[in-house]
Amino acid sequence: MLKDTVAIVTGGGAGIGLAIARTLADNGARVLITGRRADALKAVAHPAIDSFVADAASAADAEATVAAAIERWGRLDVLVNNAGAGLPQPLAEMSPESVGAVFKVNVFGPALLARAALPHLRETRGAIINLSSTLARKPVAGFSAYAASKAALEQMTRTWALELAPLGIRVNAIAPGPVESDFLRDRMGFSEEEIAVIKAKEVEMIPLGRRGVPEDVAHWVMTLAAPGAGWVTGQILGVDGGFGL
């Protein structure tokens, strides 16, 4: 389905990003995954997946990431902006640093990488797929910075879709709901006890009765990346078991 295509997946060392990378690779793509933890990236064993240590919030690393993919395979067809940051924080505890850290990864990072990738995606008439969140439209107390950053990413998705359509580049986003991964512990900083409570409450709010798994999201990223989605752009696809309802 994706034979001879090249993809970049940020935050590809674990969770949703790793599932996306493996799904793309299993369907014929050559994939460059990025992240800040070299050990996690090196632990990914797949003949069609290579890795590059990079900070998703760094302009210099964005340019270097694209250059690494071009150096390895000579082209770029799909950019998946998956890397994300989040911090549960009520308004009274916000600081410029804490809000800035979230927006640097969730908003500035995708923009910087898309800009760096643009000349190569133009050559291949490629696709950009951004990873948003149900929280971009579903308010949850204490998550205003994270939710606002994902809402910004969704609007960038629509705007880029209009701007890049004349170049043949499609831009879409996936908005996952609660997914089984290490995000709540490693990125959000919750304790195991807090995570258990959060998961139980989320399941009660999901009409389909379960939290998602990374492969639920990866399937739809592959679908949007594939040629069969050639007439789809500017869309935000909720993959959340009905959580957004």
C-alpha atoms as a PDB file:
ATOM      1  CA  MET A   1       0.000   0.000   0.000  1.00  0.00           C
ATOM      2  CA  LEU A   2       2.867   2.395   0.821  1.00  0.00           C
ATOM      3  CA  LYS A   3       5.616   0.704  -1.192  1.00  0.00           C
ATOM      4  CA  ASP A   4       8.598   2.950  -1.981  1.00  0.00           C
ATOM      5  CA  THR A   5       7.346   5.788   0.224  1.00  0.00           C
ATOM      6  CA  VAL A   6       9.331   7.465   3.005  1.00  0.00           C
ATOM      7  CA  ALA A   7       7.817   8.738   6.249  1.00  0.00           C
ATOM      8  CA  ILE A   8       8.981  10.663   9.300  1.00  0.00           C
ATOM      9  CA  VAL A   9       7.231   9.956  12.608  1.00  0.00           C
ATOM     10  CA  THR A  10       8.133  12.186  15.552  1.00  0.00           C
ATOM     11  CA  GLY A  11       7.927  10.700  19.021  1.00  0.00           C
ATOM     12  CA  GLY A  12       8.251   7.289  17.421  1.00  0.00           C
ATOM     13  CA  GLY A  13      10.053   5.464  20.212  1.00  0.00           C
ATOM     14  CA  ALA A  14       6.984   4.328  22.132  1.00  0.00           C
ATOM     15  CA  GLY A  15       3.202   4.341  22.378  1.00  0.00           C
ATOM     16  CA  ILE A  16       1.139   5.717  19.499  1.00  0.00           C
ATOM     17  CA  GLY A  17       4.200   6.904  17.593  1.00  0.00           C
ATOM     18  CA  LEU A  18       5.814   3.478  17.606  1.00  0.00           C
ATOM     19  CA  ALA A  19       2.561   1.820  16.528  1.00  0.00           C
ATOM     20  CA  ILE A  20       2.274   4.302  13.660  1.00  0.00           C
ATOM     21  CA  ALA A  21       5.855   3.671  12.563  1.00  0.00           C
ATOM     22  CA  ARG A  22       5.437  -0.100  12.622  1.00  0.00           C
ATOM     23  CA  THR A  23       2.134   0.037  10.764  1.00  0.00           C
ATOM     24  CA  LEU A  24       3.570   2.249   8.036  1.00  0.00           C
ATOM     25  CA  ALA A  25       6.663   0.043   7.770  1.00  0.00           C
ATOM     26  CA  ASP A  26       4.611  -3.148   7.674  1.00  0.00           C
ATOM     27  CA  ASN A  27       2.720  -1.671   4.721  1.00  0.00           C
ATOM     28  CA  GLY A  28       5.812  -0.938   2.663  1.00  0.00           C
ATOM     29  CA  ALA A  29       7.104   2.433   3.860  1.00  0.00           C
ATOM     30  CA  ARG A  30      10.589   3.247   5.051  1.00  0.00           C
ATOM     31  CA  VAL A  31      10.246   5.174   8.293  1.00  0.00           C
ATOM     32  CA  LEU A  32      12.494   7.514  10.246  1.00  0.00           C
ATOM     33  CA  ILE A  33      11.405   7.807  13.873  1.00  0.00           C
ATOM     34  CA  THR A  34      12.601  10.605  16.137  1.00  0.00           C
ATOM     35  CA  GLY A  35      12.695  11.256  19.858  1.00  0.00           C
ATOM     36  CA  ARG A  36      14.957  12.555  22.593  1.00  0.00           C
ATOM     37  CA  ARG A  37      15.774   9.152  24.138  1.00  0.00           C
ATOM     38  CA  ALA A  38      18.406   7.349  22.096  1.00  0.00           C
ATOM     39  CA  ASP A  39      17.963   4.096  24.042  1.00  0.00           C
ATOM     40  CA  ALA A  40      14.236   3.909  23.294  1.00  0.00           C
ATOM     41  CA  LEU A  41      14.803   4.589  19.602  1.00  0.00           C
ATOM     42  CA  LYS A  42      17.565   1.989  19.330  1.00  0.00           C
ATOM     43  CA  ALA A  43      15.314  -0.612  20.976  1.00  0.00           C
ATOM     44  CA  VAL A  44      12.920  -0.505  18.030  1.00  0.00           C
ATOM     45  CA  ALA A  45      13.753  -3.500  15.879  1.00  0.00           C
ATOM     46  CA  HIS A  46      12.288  -3.348  12.379  1.00  0.00           C
ATOM     47  CA  PRO A  47      14.199  -3.620   9.095  1.00  0.00           C
ATOM     48  CA  ALA A  48      12.305  -0.692   7.541  1.00  0.00           C
ATOM     49  CA  ILE A  49      12.577   1.658  10.527  1.00  0.00           C
ATOM     50  CA  ASP A  50      15.581   3.864  11.239  1.00  0.00           C
ATOM     51  CA  SER A  51      15.972   6.390  14.041  1.00  0.00           C
ATOM     52  CA  PHE A  52      17.297   9.892  14.634  1.00  0.00           C
ATOM     53  CA  VAL A  53      17.685  11.616  17.995  1.00  0.00           C
ATOM     54  CA  ALA A  54      15.891  14.976  17.841  1.00  0.00           C
ATOM     55  CA  ASP A  55      13.945  17.405  19.998  1.00  0.00           C
ATOM     56  CA  ALA A  56      10.538  18.097  18.451  1.00  0.00           C
ATOM     57  CA  ALA A  57      10.642  21.679  19.745  1.00  0.00           C
ATOM     58  CA  SER A  58      13.973  22.574  18.128  1.00  0.00           C
ATOM     59  CA  ALA A  59      14.167  24.446  14.816  1.00  0.00           C
ATOM     60  CA  ALA A  60      17.682  23.135  14.204  1.00  0.00           C
ATOM     61  CA  ASP A  61      16.583  19.568  14.896  1.00  0.00           C
ATOM     62  CA  ALA A  62      13.635  19.962  12.503  1.00  0.00           C
ATOM     63  CA  GLU A  63      15.993  20.799   9.647  1.00  0.00           C
ATOM     64  CA  ALA A  64      18.356  17.996  10.681  1.00  0.00           C
ATOM     65  CA  THR A  65      15.526  15.449  10.854  1.00  0.00           C
ATOM     66  CA  VAL A  66      14.389  16.134   7.307  1.00  0.00           C
ATOM     67  CA  ALA A  67      17.992  16.116   6.094  1.00  0.00           C
ATOM     68  CA  ALA A  68      18.510  12.711   7.743  1.00  0.00           C
ATOM     69  CA  ALA A  69      15.539  11.202   5.906  1.00  0.00           C
ATOM     70  CA  ILE A  70      16.671  12.649   2.579  1.00  0.00           C
ATOM     71  CA  GLU A  71      20.233  11.453   3.136  1.00  0.00           C
ATOM     72  CA  ARG A  72      19.031   7.914   3.828  1.00  0.00           C
ATOM     73  CA  TRP A  73      16.356   7.504   1.164  1.00  0.00           C
ATOM     74  CA  GLY A  74      16.389  10.541  -1.129  1.00  0.00           C
ATOM     75  CA  ARG A  75      12.746  11.510  -0.736  1.00  0.00           C
ATOM     76  CA  LEU A  76       9.963  12.273   1.735  1.00  0.00           C
ATOM     77  CA  ASP A  77       6.309  11.376   1.228  1.00  0.00           C
ATOM     78  CA  VAL A  78       4.658  11.454   4.649  1.00  0.00           C
ATOM     79  CA  LEU A  79       5.242  13.588   7.740  1.00  0.00           C
ATOM     80  CA  VAL A  80       3.538  12.476  10.955  1.00  0.00           C
ATOM     81  CA  ASN A  81       3.691  15.079  13.727  1.00  0.00           C
ATOM     82  CA  ASN A  82       3.065  12.752  16.658  1.00  0.00           C
ATOM     83  CA  ALA A  83       5.370  14.040  19.413  1.00  0.00           C
ATOM     84  CA  GLY A  84       3.360  15.705  22.165  1.00  0.00           C
ATOM     85  CA  ALA A  85       3.738  17.353  25.536  1.00  0.00           C
ATOM     86  CA  GLY A  86       1.222  17.926  28.287  1.00  0.00           C
ATOM     87  CA  LEU A  87       1.059  19.000  31.873  1.00  0.00           C
ATOM     88  CA  PRO A  88      -2.003  18.931  34.157  1.00  0.00           C
ATOM     89  CA  GLN A  89      -2.013  22.431  35.564  1.00  0.00           C
ATOM     90  CA  PRO A  90      -4.784  24.659  36.900  1.00  0.00           C
ATOM     91  CA  LEU A  91      -4.833  28.293  35.839  1.00  0.00           C
ATOM     92  CA  ALA A  92      -3.586  29.521  39.213  1.00  0.00           C
ATOM     93  CA  GLU A  93      -0.371  27.494  38.849  1.00  0.00           C
ATOM     94  CA  MET A  94       0.471  28.397  35.253  1.00  0.00           C
ATOM     95  CA  SER A  95       3.737  30.078  34.382  1.00  0.00           C
ATOM     96  CA  PRO A  96       5.179  31.370  31.110  1.00  0.00           C
ATOM     97  CA  GLU A  97       7.641  28.476  31.208  1.00  0.00           C
ATOM     98  CA  SER A  98       5.052  25.743  31.715  1.00  0.00           C
ATOM     99  CA  VAL A  99       2.700  27.026  29.014  1.00  0.00           C
ATOM    100  CA  GLY A 100       5.594  27.693  26.653  1.00  0.00           C
ATOM    101  CA  ALA A 101       6.937  24.162  27.067  1.00  0.00           C
ATOM    102  CA  VAL A 102       3.612  22.665  25.940  1.00  0.00           C
ATOM    103  CA  PHE A 103       3.215  24.987  22.955  1.00  0.00           C
ATOM    104  CA  LYS A 104       6.814  24.504  21.833  1.00  0.00           C
ATOM    105  CA  VAL A 105       6.245  20.787  21.313  1.00  0.00           C
ATOM    106  CA  ASN A 106       2.574  20.725  20.281  1.00  0.00           C
ATOM    107  CA  VAL A 107       2.417  23.816  18.062  1.00  0.00           C
ATOM    108  CA  PHE A 108       5.815  25.252  17.207  1.00  0.00           C
ATOM    109  CA  GLY A 109       7.405  21.832  16.652  1.00  0.00           C
ATOM    110  CA  PRO A 110       4.947  20.628  13.989  1.00  0.00           C
ATOM    111  CA  ALA A 111       5.142  23.990  12.230  1.00  0.00           C
ATOM    112  CA  LEU A 112       8.942  23.966  12.160  1.00  0.00           C
ATOM    113  CA  LEU A 113       9.117  20.401  10.882  1.00  0.00           C
ATOM    114  CA  ALA A 114       6.418  20.942   8.263  1.00  0.00           C
ATOM    115  CA  ARG A 115       8.277  24.016   7.019  1.00  0.00           C
ATOM    116  CA  ALA A 116      11.514  22.030   6.742  1.00  0.00           C
ATOM    117  CA  ALA A 117       9.748  19.170   4.961  1.00  0.00           C
ATOM    118  CA  LEU A 118       7.785  21.346   2.546  1.00  0.00           C
ATOM    119  CA  PRO A 119      10.193  21.370  -0.429  1.00  0.00           C
ATOM    120  CA  HIS A 120      10.422  17.578  -0.380  1.00  0.00           C
ATOM    121  CA  LEU A 121       6.702  16.978   0.150  1.00  0.00           C
ATOM    122  CA  ARG A 122       6.081  19.291  -2.789  1.00  0.00           C
ATOM    123  CA  GLU A 123       8.207  17.047  -5.013  1.00  0.00           C
ATOM    124  CA  THR A 124       6.305  13.903  -4.004  1.00  0.00           C
ATOM    125  CA  ARG A 125       2.858  15.548  -3.603  1.00  0.00           C
ATOM    126  CA  GLY A 126       2.962  14.071  -0.133  1.00  0.00           C
ATOM    127  CA  ALA A 127       0.922  14.234   3.048  1.00  0.00           C
ATOM    128  CA  ILE A 128       1.133  15.729   6.529  1.00  0.00           C
ATOM    129  CA  ILE A 129      -0.739  14.046   9.376  1.00  0.00           C
ATOM    130  CA  ASN A 130      -0.911  15.818  12.736  1.00  0.00           C
ATOM    131  CA  LEU A 131      -1.815  14.097  16.001  1.00  0.00           C
ATOM    132  CA  SER A 132      -4.324  16.183  17.926  1.00  0.00           C
ATOM    133  CA  SER A 133      -6.548  15.103  20.823  1.00  0.00           C
ATOM    134  CA  THR A 134     -10.209  14.896  21.762  1.00  0.00           C
ATOM    135  CA  LEU A 135      -9.356  17.577  24.323  1.00  0.00           C
ATOM    136  CA  ALA A 136      -8.932  20.082  21.494  1.00  0.00           C
ATOM    137  CA  ARG A 137     -12.744  20.299  21.542  1.00  0.00           C
ATOM    138  CA  LYS A 138     -13.739  18.610  24.802  1.00  0.00           C
ATOM    139  CA  PRO A 139     -12.864  20.826  27.803  1.00  0.00           C
ATOM    140  CA  VAL A 140     -11.366  19.150  30.851  1.00  0.00           C
ATOM    141  CA  ALA A 141     -10.568  21.216  33.943  1.00  0.00           C
ATOM    142  CA  GLY A 142      -6.851  21.599  34.577  1.00  0.00           C
ATOM    143  CA  PHE A 143      -5.779  20.938  30.995  1.00  0.00           C
ATOM    144  CA  SER A 144      -6.331  24.330  29.373  1.00  0.00           C
ATOM    145  CA  ALA A 145      -2.804  24.762  27.998  1.00  0.00           C
ATOM    146  CA  TYR A 146      -2.707  21.258  26.524  1.00  0.00           C
ATOM    147  CA  ALA A 147      -6.223  21.568  25.086  1.00  0.00           C
ATOM    148  CA  ALA A 148      -5.503  24.999  23.627  1.00  0.00           C
ATOM    149  CA  SER A 149      -2.290  23.763  22.010  1.00  0.00           C
ATOM    150  CA  LYS A 150      -4.141  20.916  20.322  1.00  0.00           C
ATOM    151  CA  ALA A 151      -6.903  23.258  19.185  1.00  0.00           C
ATOM    152  CA  ALA A 152      -4.205  25.432  17.630  1.00  0.00           C
ATOM    153  CA  LEU A 153      -2.747  22.376  15.882  1.00  0.00           C
ATOM    154  CA  GLU A 154      -6.162  21.525  14.437  1.00  0.00           C
ATOM    155  CA  GLN A 155      -6.586  25.019  13.030  1.00  0.00           C
ATOM    156  CA  MET A 156      -3.082  24.900  11.565  1.00  0.00           C
ATOM    157  CA  THR A 157      -4.106  21.615   9.938  1.00  0.00           C
ATOM    158  CA  ARG A 158      -7.082  23.232   8.207  1.00  0.00           C
ATOM    159  CA  THR A 159      -5.095  26.295   7.202  1.00  0.00           C
ATOM    160  CA  TRP A 160      -2.187  24.291   5.811  1.00  0.00           C
ATOM    161  CA  ALA A 161      -4.656  22.122   3.889  1.00  0.00           C
ATOM    162  CA  LEU A 162      -5.942  25.212   2.076  1.00  0.00           C
ATOM    163  CA  GLU A 163      -2.491  26.698   1.580  1.00  0.00           C
ATOM    164  CA  LEU A 164      -0.817  23.528   0.315  1.00  0.00           C
ATOM    165  CA  ALA A 165      -3.614  22.027  -1.779  1.00  0.00           C
ATOM    166  CA  PRO A 166      -2.384  23.801  -4.936  1.00  0.00           C
ATOM    167  CA  LEU A 167       0.945  22.015  -4.405  1.00  0.00           C
ATOM    168  CA  GLY A 168      -0.763  18.632  -4.199  1.00  0.00           C
ATOM    169  CA  ILE A 169       0.071  18.239  -0.496  1.00  0.00           C
ATOM    170  CA  ARG A 170      -2.713  16.894   1.724  1.00  0.00           C
ATOM    171  CA  VAL A 171      -2.931  17.827   5.416  1.00  0.00           C
ATOM    172  CA  ASN A 172      -5.155  16.035   7.922  1.00  0.00           C
ATOM    173  CA  ALA A 173      -5.217  15.300  11.650  1.00  0.00           C
ATOM    174  CA  ILE A 174      -6.193  12.442  13.932  1.00  0.00           C
ATOM    175  CA  ALA A 175      -7.737  13.326  17.304  1.00  0.00           C
ATOM    176  CA  PRO A 176      -7.337  10.298  19.589  1.00  0.00           C
ATOM    177  CA  GLY A 177      -9.247   9.835  22.788  1.00  0.00           C
ATOM    178  CA  PRO A 178      -7.812   8.012  25.832  1.00  0.00           C
ATOM    179  CA  VAL A 179      -5.263   5.463  24.594  1.00  0.00           C
ATOM    180  CA  GLU A 180      -3.284   2.873  26.535  1.00  0.00           C
ATOM    181  CA  SER A 181       0.291   4.171  26.645  1.00  0.00           C
ATOM    182  CA  ASP A 182       2.798   5.652  29.078  1.00  0.00           C
ATOM    183  CA  PHE A 183       1.589   9.202  28.377  1.00  0.00           C
ATOM    184  CA  LEU A 184      -0.235   9.685  31.675  1.00  0.00           C
ATOM    185  CA  ARG A 185       2.827   8.619  33.670  1.00  0.00           C
ATOM    186  CA  ASP A 186       5.770   9.775  31.579  1.00  0.00           C
ATOM    187  CA  ARG A 187       4.364  12.966  30.059  1.00  0.00           C
ATOM    188  CA  MET A 188       1.600  14.034  32.438  1.00  0.00           C
ATOM    189  CA  GLY A 189       3.374  12.996  35.638  1.00  0.00           C
ATOM    190  CA  PHE A 190       0.501  11.180  37.346  1.00  0.00           C
ATOM    191  CA  SER A 191       1.120   8.502  39.989  1.00  0.00           C
ATOM    192  CA  GLU A 192      -0.021   4.920  39.430  1.00  0.00           C
ATOM    193  CA  GLU A 193      -2.910   5.462  41.850  1.00  0.00           C
ATOM    194  CA  GLU A 194      -4.019   8.605  40.012  1.00  0.00           C
ATOM    195  CA  ILE A 195      -3.734   6.833  36.665  1.00  0.00           C
ATOM    196  CA  ALA A 196      -6.008   4.003  37.836  1.00  0.00           C
ATOM    197  CA  VAL A 197      -8.682   6.494  38.870  1.00  0.00           C
ATOM    198  CA  ILE A 198      -8.384   8.459  35.625  1.00  0.00           C
ATOM    199  CA  LYS A 199      -8.644   5.323  33.483  1.00  0.00           C
ATOM    200  CA  ALA A 200     -11.737   4.107  35.332  1.00  0.00           C
ATOM    201  CA  LYS A 201     -13.472   7.460  34.886  1.00  0.00           C
ATOM    202  CA  GLU A 202     -12.554   7.609  31.214  1.00  0.00           C
ATOM    203  CA  VAL A 203     -13.958   4.155  30.484  1.00  0.00           C
ATOM    204  CA  GLU A 204     -17.246   5.259  32.027  1.00  0.00           C
ATOM    205  CA  MET A 205     -17.325   8.195  29.584  1.00  0.00           C
ATOM    206  CA  ILE A 206     -16.452   6.228  26.433  1.00  0.00           C
ATOM    207  CA  PRO A 207     -19.582   4.958  24.643  1.00  0.00           C
ATOM    208  CA  LEU A 208     -17.744   1.958  23.163  1.00  0.00           C
ATOM    209  CA  GLY A 209     -16.734   0.915  26.674  1.00  0.00           C
ATOM    210  CA  ARG A 210     -12.945   0.737  26.469  1.00  0.00           C
ATOM    211  CA  ARG A 211      -9.820   2.838  26.189  1.00  0.00           C
ATOM    212  CA  GLY A 212      -8.080   2.687  22.856  1.00  0.00           C
ATOM    213  CA  VAL A 213      -4.816   0.992  21.986  1.00  0.00           C
ATOM    214  CA  PRO A 214      -2.078   2.570  19.848  1.00  0.00           C
ATOM    215  CA  GLU A 215      -2.956   0.371  16.884  1.00  0.00           C
ATOM    216  CA  ASP A 216      -6.457   1.898  16.772  1.00  0.00           C
ATOM    217  CA  VAL A 217      -4.842   5.227  15.916  1.00  0.00           C
ATOM    218  CA  ALA A 218      -2.066   3.843  13.711  1.00  0.00           C
ATOM    219  CA  HIS A 219      -4.597   2.230  11.356  1.00  0.00           C
ATOM    220  CA  TRP A 220      -6.139   5.589  10.522  1.00  0.00           C
ATOM    221  CA  VAL A 221      -2.802   7.345  10.112  1.00  0.00           C
ATOM    222  CA  MET A 222      -1.878   4.712   7.539  1.00  0.00           C
ATOM    223  CA  THR A 223      -5.257   5.150   5.845  1.00  0.00           C
ATOM    224  CA  LEU A 224      -4.788   8.920   5.533  1.00  0.00           C
ATOM    225  CA  ALA A 225      -1.222   8.447   4.277  1.00  0.00           C
ATOM    226  CA  ALA A 226      -2.207   5.966   1.584  1.00  0.00           C
ATOM    227  CA  PRO A 227      -3.062   6.864  -2.036  1.00  0.00           C
ATOM    228  CA  GLY A 228      -6.673   5.855  -1.430  1.00  0.00           C
ATOM    229  CA  ALA A 229      -7.123   9.013   0.650  1.00  0.00           C
ATOM    230  CA  GLY A 230      -5.988  11.196  -2.238  1.00  0.00           C
ATOM    231  CA  TRP A 231      -9.172  13.312  -2.150  1.00  0.00           C
ATOM    232  CA  VAL A 232      -9.148  13.879   1.620  1.00  0.00           C
ATOM    233  CA  THR A 233      -7.605  17.008   3.108  1.00  0.00           C
ATOM    234  CA  GLY A 234      -8.297  19.487   5.906  1.00  0.00           C
ATOM    235  CA  GLN A 235     -10.082  16.886   8.038  1.00  0.00           C
ATOM    236  CA  ILE A 236      -9.872  16.168  11.771  1.00  0.00           C
ATOM    237  CA  LEU A 237     -10.729  12.508  12.360  1.00  0.00           C
ATOM    238  CA  GLY A 238     -11.806  11.580  15.864  1.00  0.00           C
ATOM    239  CA  VAL A 239     -10.558   8.127  16.875  1.00  0.00           C
ATOM    240  CA  ASP A 240     -11.874   8.000  20.403  1.00  0.00           C
ATOM    241  CA  GLY A 241     -14.573   5.369  20.903  1.00  0.00           C
ATOM    242  CA  GLY A 242     -17.149   8.155  21.046  1.00  0.00           C
ATOM    243  CA  PHE A 243     -15.421   9.948  23.951  1.00  0.00           C
ATOM    244  CA  GLY A 244     -15.901  13.311  22.241  1.00  0.00           C
ATOM    245  CA  LEU A 245     -19.672  12.836  22.314  1.00  0.00           C
END
